[in-house]
Amino acid sequence: METHNKNVYLPDTKRFENAYIHSLEDYDKLYSESILHSTEFWEQQARELLHWHHDFQMVSDCDFTEGLVSWFLGGKINASENCIDRHLKERGEQVAIIWEADEPGQEQRITYRELHREVSRLANVLRHNGIRKGDREGEVFACVADIGWITGHPA
């Protein structure tokens, strides 16, 4: 299955040594598998790459004509744990996010440890304002790297 343009300049292969996907061929194989055997592919990915507090019973239940899409039904994860906490011990000082501003040359590199600190501060602000475990809360943030204006503690 052809998924890319052949007029692509690839980075030096040394950059792929520690990557999850080591080559364009590996990517093509994964992509093809995700299309041809979607349910099995995503079940394997979810079980191998995420920590589940409660296992899911069904990978997906989708009706695109009705706009109804549900994934990993019955499952329960902690997004912060999966995205941040599990990396602190081995990768705490590694860059987790590279934020690019609208102006060229303006970027901010945020390590897993810094990200953990900021997420914890935001969680404390929410807790201080009455949000408790189990509450459903939605937040919309501008595309900024620093949430210090929310917590009152600019970085």
Protein backbone atom coordinates (compact mmCIF):
# COMPACT_ATOMS: atom_id res chain seq x y z
CA MET A 1 0.00 0.00 0.00
CA GLU A 2 1.59 3.30 -1.12
CA THR A 3 1.14 5.98 1.55
CA HIS A 4 3.78 8.59 0.83
CA ASN A 5 5.35 10.79 -1.78
CA LYS A 6 8.62 9.43 -3.21
CA ASN A 7 9.99 13.01 -3.46
CA VAL A 8 10.69 13.12 0.26
CA TYR A 9 13.98 14.02 1.91
CA LEU A 10 14.51 11.58 4.77
CA PRO A 11 16.55 12.44 7.87
CA ASP A 12 19.76 10.65 8.71
CA THR A 13 19.03 7.02 9.71
CA LYS A 14 20.77 7.59 13.08
CA ARG A 15 17.73 9.65 14.09
CA PHE A 16 15.58 6.52 13.78
CA GLU A 17 17.67 4.29 16.08
CA ASN A 18 15.58 4.93 19.20
CA ALA A 19 12.33 5.74 17.42
CA TYR A 20 9.14 3.73 17.77
CA ILE A 21 8.96 3.51 13.98
CA HIS A 22 12.42 2.93 12.50
CA SER A 23 11.81 3.40 8.79
CA LEU A 24 9.34 4.39 6.13
CA GLU A 25 8.86 0.69 5.45
CA ASP A 26 7.91 0.11 9.09
CA TYR A 27 5.46 2.98 8.85
CA ASP A 28 3.91 1.57 5.66
CA LYS A 29 3.52 -1.82 7.33
CA LEU A 30 1.82 -0.34 10.41
CA TYR A 31 -0.42 1.90 8.30
CA SER A 32 -1.47 -0.99 6.09
CA GLU A 33 -2.24 -3.14 9.13
CA SER A 34 -4.28 -0.33 10.69
CA ILE A 35 -6.44 -0.12 7.55
CA LEU A 36 -6.76 -3.82 6.70
CA HIS A 37 -7.25 -5.14 10.26
CA SER A 38 -8.35 -2.05 12.15
CA THR A 39 -9.88 -3.65 15.23
CA GLU A 40 -7.01 -6.05 15.87
CA PHE A 41 -4.41 -3.37 15.17
CA TRP A 42 -5.86 -0.81 17.61
CA GLU A 43 -6.49 -3.44 20.27
CA GLN A 44 -2.83 -4.48 20.11
CA GLN A 45 -1.62 -0.87 20.19
CA ALA A 46 -3.85 0.00 23.15
CA ARG A 47 -2.79 -3.06 25.15
CA GLU A 48 0.93 -2.64 24.43
CA LEU A 49 1.27 1.13 24.78
CA LEU A 50 -1.25 2.19 27.44
CA HIS A 51 -1.78 1.37 31.09
CA TRP A 52 -5.44 0.55 31.75
CA HIS A 53 -7.07 0.88 35.19
CA HIS A 54 -10.06 -1.07 33.83
CA ASP A 55 -9.74 -3.17 30.69
CA PHE A 56 -11.94 -2.36 27.71
CA GLN A 57 -14.48 -4.88 26.42
CA MET A 58 -14.84 -3.55 22.88
CA VAL A 59 -12.29 -1.74 20.71
CA SER A 60 -14.74 0.47 18.83
CA ASP A 61 -18.38 1.06 18.09
CA CYS A 62 -18.67 3.45 15.17
CA ASP A 63 -21.48 4.60 12.92
CA PHE A 64 -19.97 7.28 10.71
CA THR A 65 -23.27 7.97 8.95
CA GLU A 66 -24.76 9.01 12.31
CA GLY A 67 -21.54 10.63 13.55
CA LEU A 68 -21.31 8.25 16.51
CA VAL A 69 -17.80 7.12 17.36
CA SER A 70 -16.73 5.34 20.55
CA TRP A 71 -13.38 3.74 21.29
CA PHE A 72 -12.26 1.27 23.95
CA LEU A 73 -15.68 0.86 25.52
CA GLY A 74 -15.67 -0.02 29.20
CA GLY A 75 -12.01 0.89 29.54
CA LYS A 76 -10.61 3.42 31.98
CA ILE A 77 -7.24 5.13 31.73
CA ASN A 78 -5.57 8.12 33.32
CA ALA A 79 -4.35 10.28 30.43
CA SER A 80 -1.83 12.16 32.55
CA GLU A 81 -0.38 8.91 33.85
CA ASN A 82 -0.03 7.49 30.33
CA CYS A 83 1.31 10.66 28.71
CA ILE A 84 3.47 12.13 31.48
CA ASP A 85 3.87 10.26 34.77
CA ARG A 86 5.23 6.99 33.39
CA HIS A 87 8.08 8.86 31.71
CA LEU A 88 9.31 10.77 34.77
CA LYS A 89 11.73 8.18 36.16
CA GLU A 90 13.63 7.41 32.95
CA ARG A 91 12.93 10.50 30.83
CA GLY A 92 12.22 13.33 33.27
CA GLU A 93 14.73 15.71 31.69
CA GLN A 94 13.90 14.71 28.11
CA VAL A 95 11.88 17.14 26.00
CA ALA A 96 8.22 16.10 25.93
CA ILE A 97 6.83 19.03 23.93
CA ILE A 98 8.38 21.46 21.50
CA TRP A 99 6.05 24.42 21.25
CA GLU A 100 6.46 26.56 18.12
CA ALA A 101 5.15 30.12 18.21
CA ASP A 102 3.63 31.88 15.22
CA GLU A 103 6.85 33.86 14.84
CA PRO A 104 9.75 31.90 13.29
CA GLY A 105 12.50 31.11 15.74
CA GLN A 106 10.32 31.35 18.82
CA GLU A 107 10.00 28.01 20.49
CA GLN A 108 9.80 26.55 23.95
CA ARG A 109 11.03 23.10 24.93
CA ILE A 110 9.20 21.54 27.86
CA THR A 111 10.58 18.47 29.61
CA TYR A 112 8.43 15.72 31.10
CA ARG A 113 9.32 16.98 34.58
CA GLU A 114 8.32 20.57 33.75
CA LEU A 115 5.12 19.36 32.09
CA HIS A 116 4.31 17.24 35.15
CA ARG A 117 4.81 20.25 37.42
CA GLU A 118 2.52 22.45 35.31
CA VAL A 119 -0.20 19.80 35.02
CA SER A 120 -0.03 19.28 38.80
CA ARG A 121 -0.38 23.01 39.37
CA LEU A 122 -3.41 23.17 37.09
CA ALA A 123 -4.93 20.16 38.89
CA ASN A 124 -4.47 22.00 42.19
CA VAL A 125 -6.22 25.08 40.78
CA LEU A 126 -9.14 22.92 39.66
CA ARG A 127 -9.26 21.18 43.05
CA HIS A 128 -9.16 24.57 44.81
CA ASN A 129 -12.18 25.60 42.71
CA GLY A 130 -14.27 22.60 43.74
CA ILE A 131 -13.51 20.11 40.97
CA ARG A 132 -13.21 16.62 42.48
CA LYS A 133 -12.22 13.16 41.30
CA GLY A 134 -14.96 11.77 39.09
CA ASP A 135 -16.27 15.18 38.03
CA ARG A 136 -16.47 15.81 34.31
CA GLU A 137 -14.75 19.04 33.44
CA GLY A 138 -13.82 20.54 30.10
CA GLU A 139 -11.22 23.23 29.58
CA VAL A 140 -10.33 25.21 26.48
CA PHE A 141 -6.86 26.70 26.33
CA ALA A 142 -5.37 29.08 23.83
CA CYS A 143 -2.46 27.75 21.82
CA VAL A 144 0.16 28.86 24.32
CA ALA A 145 2.93 26.90 25.95
CA ASP A 146 2.56 28.48 29.38
CA ILE A 147 -0.53 27.92 31.48
CA GLY A 148 0.90 30.07 34.24
CA TRP A 149 -1.74 32.73 33.62
CA ILE A 150 -4.35 30.17 34.71
CA THR A 151 -2.54 29.00 37.81
CA GLY A 152 -1.37 32.48 38.75
CA HIS A 153 2.24 31.25 38.73
CA PRO A 154 3.89 32.23 35.42
CA ALA A 155 6.90 30.08 34.59
